[in-house]
Amino acid sequence: MSNFNEEAIAKAKQAKSVEELLTLAKESGVEMTAEQAQEYYTQLNPKSGELADDELDNVAGGGCYSANGQLVVTLGYSCDLWVCKGCGGTELSPFLELSGQFSTGCKNCGSSNNCANCRYHVWKGASEICTNPSNNQ
């Protein structure tokens, strides 16, 4: 980043993405490749060790989207688009689990309404994928 003066470095630190950093470099007359921009951006924006809200959601029963737009789900994820894999039911009713905890499950057959019991759940390698078109980006 030796081509940047202190003012440009201050602006570069405010860039929200590698693309913004590349645009700033171009506007400042500095030649920079995408790889260099990625390296500089990483140096200017080191990870703090804290998870962003969307990253935290993915770890704590959330879902995230893969590169092809499919929803990748994690343990504990739930949605309003659940369809029972066993009977095709969509209505839920509360029930008491053997552990003494209340949960919800299919009103028709009693299957719990987790992703593994959903018609749209598939495994791709080690990832759980939701194939419901309404859940894809």
C-alpha atoms as a PDB file:
ATOM      1  CA  MET A   1       0.000   0.000   0.000  1.00  0.00           C
ATOM      2  CA  SER A   2       2.987   2.214  -0.441  1.00  0.00           C
ATOM      3  CA  ASN A   3       1.225   3.987  -3.348  1.00  0.00           C
ATOM      4  CA  PHE A   4      -1.415   5.392  -0.988  1.00  0.00           C
ATOM      5  CA  ASN A   5      -1.007   8.537   1.072  1.00  0.00           C
ATOM      6  CA  GLU A   6      -2.457   8.687   4.588  1.00  0.00           C
ATOM      7  CA  GLU A   7      -5.736  10.185   3.368  1.00  0.00           C
ATOM      8  CA  ALA A   8      -6.173   7.392   0.809  1.00  0.00           C
ATOM      9  CA  ILE A   9      -5.368   4.761   3.435  1.00  0.00           C
ATOM     10  CA  ALA A  10      -8.026   6.241   5.721  1.00  0.00           C
ATOM     11  CA  LYS A  11     -10.546   6.029   2.848  1.00  0.00           C
ATOM     12  CA  ALA A  12      -9.399   2.475   2.048  1.00  0.00           C
ATOM     13  CA  LYS A  13     -10.074   1.413   5.653  1.00  0.00           C
ATOM     14  CA  GLN A  14     -13.684   2.561   5.173  1.00  0.00           C
ATOM     15  CA  ALA A  15     -14.197   0.343   2.105  1.00  0.00           C
ATOM     16  CA  LYS A  16     -16.952  -2.194   2.806  1.00  0.00           C
ATOM     17  CA  SER A  17     -15.737  -4.706   0.217  1.00  0.00           C
ATOM     18  CA  VAL A  18     -12.833  -5.668  -2.001  1.00  0.00           C
ATOM     19  CA  GLU A  19     -14.771  -4.209  -4.932  1.00  0.00           C
ATOM     20  CA  GLU A  20     -15.048  -0.829  -3.178  1.00  0.00           C
ATOM     21  CA  LEU A  21     -11.312  -0.925  -2.504  1.00  0.00           C
ATOM     22  CA  LEU A  22     -10.616  -1.623  -6.197  1.00  0.00           C
ATOM     23  CA  THR A  23     -12.872   1.271  -7.203  1.00  0.00           C
ATOM     24  CA  LEU A  24     -11.095   3.598  -4.762  1.00  0.00           C
ATOM     25  CA  ALA A  25      -7.703   2.538  -6.125  1.00  0.00           C
ATOM     26  CA  LYS A  26      -8.845   3.182  -9.698  1.00  0.00           C
ATOM     27  CA  GLU A  27     -10.256   6.600  -8.745  1.00  0.00           C
ATOM     28  CA  SER A  28      -6.937   7.406  -7.052  1.00  0.00           C
ATOM     29  CA  GLY A  29      -4.937   6.372 -10.128  1.00  0.00           C
ATOM     30  CA  VAL A  30      -3.421   3.330  -8.413  1.00  0.00           C
ATOM     31  CA  GLU A  31      -3.101   0.127 -10.420  1.00  0.00           C
ATOM     32  CA  MET A  32      -4.192  -2.886  -8.386  1.00  0.00           C
ATOM     33  CA  THR A  33      -5.170  -6.454  -9.249  1.00  0.00           C
ATOM     34  CA  ALA A  34      -8.134  -8.198  -7.622  1.00  0.00           C
ATOM     35  CA  GLU A  35      -5.697 -10.427  -5.724  1.00  0.00           C
ATOM     36  CA  GLN A  36      -3.810  -7.415  -4.382  1.00  0.00           C
ATOM     37  CA  ALA A  37      -7.082  -5.745  -3.417  1.00  0.00           C
ATOM     38  CA  GLN A  38      -8.127  -8.889  -1.517  1.00  0.00           C
ATOM     39  CA  GLU A  39      -4.803  -8.968   0.305  1.00  0.00           C
ATOM     40  CA  TYR A  40      -4.964  -5.252   1.184  1.00  0.00           C
ATOM     41  CA  TYR A  41      -8.608  -5.508   2.236  1.00  0.00           C
ATOM     42  CA  THR A  42      -7.753  -8.392   4.576  1.00  0.00           C
ATOM     43  CA  GLN A  43      -4.889  -6.370   6.061  1.00  0.00           C
ATOM     44  CA  LEU A  44      -7.102  -3.310   6.538  1.00  0.00           C
ATOM     45  CA  ASN A  45     -10.034  -5.294   7.984  1.00  0.00           C
ATOM     46  CA  PRO A  46      -8.669  -8.062  10.193  1.00  0.00           C
ATOM     47  CA  LYS A  47     -11.191 -10.465  11.725  1.00  0.00           C
ATOM     48  CA  SER A  48     -12.022  -9.440  15.265  1.00  0.00           C
ATOM     49  CA  GLY A  49     -12.679 -12.950  16.517  1.00  0.00           C
ATOM     50  CA  GLU A  50     -16.366 -12.134  16.836  1.00  0.00           C
ATOM     51  CA  LEU A  51     -19.025 -13.539  14.538  1.00  0.00           C
ATOM     52  CA  ALA A  52     -21.279 -11.269  12.542  1.00  0.00           C
ATOM     53  CA  ASP A  53     -25.018 -11.694  13.188  1.00  0.00           C
ATOM     54  CA  ASP A  54     -25.552 -13.737  10.004  1.00  0.00           C
ATOM     55  CA  GLU A  55     -22.553 -15.943  10.834  1.00  0.00           C
ATOM     56  CA  LEU A  56     -23.916 -16.494  14.335  1.00  0.00           C
ATOM     57  CA  ASP A  57     -27.347 -17.423  12.946  1.00  0.00           C
ATOM     58  CA  ASN A  58     -25.725 -20.080  10.770  1.00  0.00           C
ATOM     59  CA  VAL A  59     -24.003 -21.660  13.762  1.00  0.00           C
ATOM     60  CA  ALA A  60     -26.933 -21.436  16.168  1.00  0.00           C
ATOM     61  CA  GLY A  61     -29.681 -23.277  14.333  1.00  0.00           C
ATOM     62  CA  GLY A  62     -29.637 -21.140  11.260  1.00  0.00           C
ATOM     63  CA  GLY A  63     -29.195 -21.559   7.584  1.00  0.00           C
ATOM     64  CA  CYS A  64     -26.987 -20.038   4.964  1.00  0.00           C
ATOM     65  CA  TYR A  65     -26.966 -20.053   1.203  1.00  0.00           C
ATOM     66  CA  SER A  66     -24.484 -21.939  -0.941  1.00  0.00           C
ATOM     67  CA  ALA A  67     -22.895 -20.468  -4.039  1.00  0.00           C
ATOM     68  CA  ASN A  68     -25.674 -21.907  -6.208  1.00  0.00           C
ATOM     69  CA  GLY A  69     -28.389 -20.347  -4.052  1.00  0.00           C
ATOM     70  CA  GLN A  70     -29.558 -23.447  -2.181  1.00  0.00           C
ATOM     71  CA  LEU A  71     -30.303 -23.180   1.527  1.00  0.00           C
ATOM     72  CA  VAL A  72     -27.787 -25.099   3.644  1.00  0.00           C
ATOM     73  CA  VAL A  73     -29.329 -25.778   7.043  1.00  0.00           C
ATOM     74  CA  THR A  74     -27.751 -26.432  10.420  1.00  0.00           C
ATOM     75  CA  LEU A  75     -28.953 -28.308  13.461  1.00  0.00           C
ATOM     76  CA  GLY A  76     -32.017 -26.689  14.944  1.00  0.00           C
ATOM     77  CA  TYR A  77     -33.027 -24.731  11.842  1.00  0.00           C
ATOM     78  CA  SER A  78     -36.764 -24.449  11.323  1.00  0.00           C
ATOM     79  CA  CYS A  79     -38.977 -22.719   8.801  1.00  0.00           C
ATOM     80  CA  ASP A  80     -42.620 -22.260   7.855  1.00  0.00           C
ATOM     81  CA  LEU A  81     -42.235 -24.374   4.703  1.00  0.00           C
ATOM     82  CA  TRP A  82     -41.869 -27.757   6.427  1.00  0.00           C
ATOM     83  CA  VAL A  83     -43.675 -30.684   4.763  1.00  0.00           C
ATOM     84  CA  CYS A  84     -43.724 -34.053   6.533  1.00  0.00           C
ATOM     85  CA  LYS A  85     -41.542 -36.585   4.723  1.00  0.00           C
ATOM     86  CA  GLY A  86     -43.727 -39.429   6.022  1.00  0.00           C
ATOM     87  CA  CYS A  87     -47.274 -38.325   5.197  1.00  0.00           C
ATOM     88  CA  GLY A  88     -47.029 -34.993   3.367  1.00  0.00           C
ATOM     89  CA  GLY A  89     -48.769 -33.154   6.201  1.00  0.00           C
ATOM     90  CA  THR A  90     -48.083 -29.487   6.855  1.00  0.00           C
ATOM     91  CA  GLU A  91     -50.174 -28.858   9.980  1.00  0.00           C
ATOM     92  CA  LEU A  92     -48.295 -28.963  13.264  1.00  0.00           C
ATOM     93  CA  SER A  93     -49.471 -29.693  16.764  1.00  0.00           C
ATOM     94  CA  PRO A  94     -47.655 -29.544  20.101  1.00  0.00           C
ATOM     95  CA  PHE A  95     -46.691 -32.774  21.834  1.00  0.00           C
ATOM     96  CA  LEU A  96     -44.764 -33.855  24.899  1.00  0.00           C
ATOM     97  CA  GLU A  97     -41.473 -35.609  24.150  1.00  0.00           C
ATOM     98  CA  LEU A  98     -40.209 -38.504  26.261  1.00  0.00           C
ATOM     99  CA  SER A  99     -37.655 -36.085  27.728  1.00  0.00           C
ATOM    100  CA  GLY A 100     -40.514 -34.058  29.191  1.00  0.00           C
ATOM    101  CA  GLN A 101     -39.946 -31.151  26.780  1.00  0.00           C
ATOM    102  CA  PHE A 102     -42.731 -29.777  24.628  1.00  0.00           C
ATOM    103  CA  SER A 103     -42.119 -29.800  20.907  1.00  0.00           C
ATOM    104  CA  THR A 104     -44.161 -29.642  17.722  1.00  0.00           C
ATOM    105  CA  GLY A 105     -44.717 -32.270  15.114  1.00  0.00           C
ATOM    106  CA  CYS A 106     -46.904 -33.343  12.246  1.00  0.00           C
ATOM    107  CA  LYS A 107     -50.556 -33.273  13.260  1.00  0.00           C
ATOM    108  CA  ASN A 108     -51.232 -36.363  11.097  1.00  0.00           C
ATOM    109  CA  CYS A 109     -48.421 -38.758  12.025  1.00  0.00           C
ATOM    110  CA  GLY A 110     -46.533 -37.122  14.903  1.00  0.00           C
ATOM    111  CA  SER A 111     -43.120 -36.822  13.196  1.00  0.00           C
ATOM    112  CA  SER A 112     -41.131 -33.978  14.715  1.00  0.00           C
ATOM    113  CA  ASN A 113     -40.859 -30.962  12.441  1.00  0.00           C
ATOM    114  CA  ASN A 114     -37.102 -30.854  11.993  1.00  0.00           C
ATOM    115  CA  CYS A 115     -35.304 -30.683   8.672  1.00  0.00           C
ATOM    116  CA  ALA A 116     -34.456 -34.390   8.635  1.00  0.00           C
ATOM    117  CA  ASN A 117     -38.196 -35.179   8.639  1.00  0.00           C
ATOM    118  CA  CYS A 118     -39.024 -32.685   5.875  1.00  0.00           C
ATOM    119  CA  ARG A 119     -39.835 -33.752   2.318  1.00  0.00           C
ATOM    120  CA  TYR A 120     -37.396 -31.117   0.994  1.00  0.00           C
ATOM    121  CA  HIS A 121     -34.386 -32.264   3.063  1.00  0.00           C
ATOM    122  CA  VAL A 122     -31.468 -33.924   1.262  1.00  0.00           C
ATOM    123  CA  TRP A 123     -27.853 -34.629   2.116  1.00  0.00           C
ATOM    124  CA  LYS A 124     -25.183 -33.438  -0.305  1.00  0.00           C
ATOM    125  CA  GLY A 125     -21.880 -34.691   0.991  1.00  0.00           C
ATOM    126  CA  ALA A 126     -21.730 -33.544   4.603  1.00  0.00           C
ATOM    127  CA  SER A 127     -24.220 -30.700   4.087  1.00  0.00           C
ATOM    128  CA  GLU A 128     -27.946 -30.675   4.751  1.00  0.00           C
ATOM    129  CA  ILE A 129     -29.729 -28.933   1.886  1.00  0.00           C
ATOM    130  CA  CYS A 130     -33.285 -27.622   1.634  1.00  0.00           C
ATOM    131  CA  THR A 131     -34.576 -28.236  -1.897  1.00  0.00           C
ATOM    132  CA  ASN A 132     -37.813 -26.294  -1.433  1.00  0.00           C
ATOM    133  CA  PRO A 133     -37.783 -23.747  -4.296  1.00  0.00           C
ATOM    134  CA  SER A 134     -39.250 -21.116  -1.944  1.00  0.00           C
ATOM    135  CA  ASN A 135     -36.134 -21.346   0.237  1.00  0.00           C
ATOM    136  CA  ASN A 136     -33.666 -20.832  -2.608  1.00  0.00           C
ATOM    137  CA  GLN A 137     -32.154 -17.493  -3.567  1.00  0.00           C
END
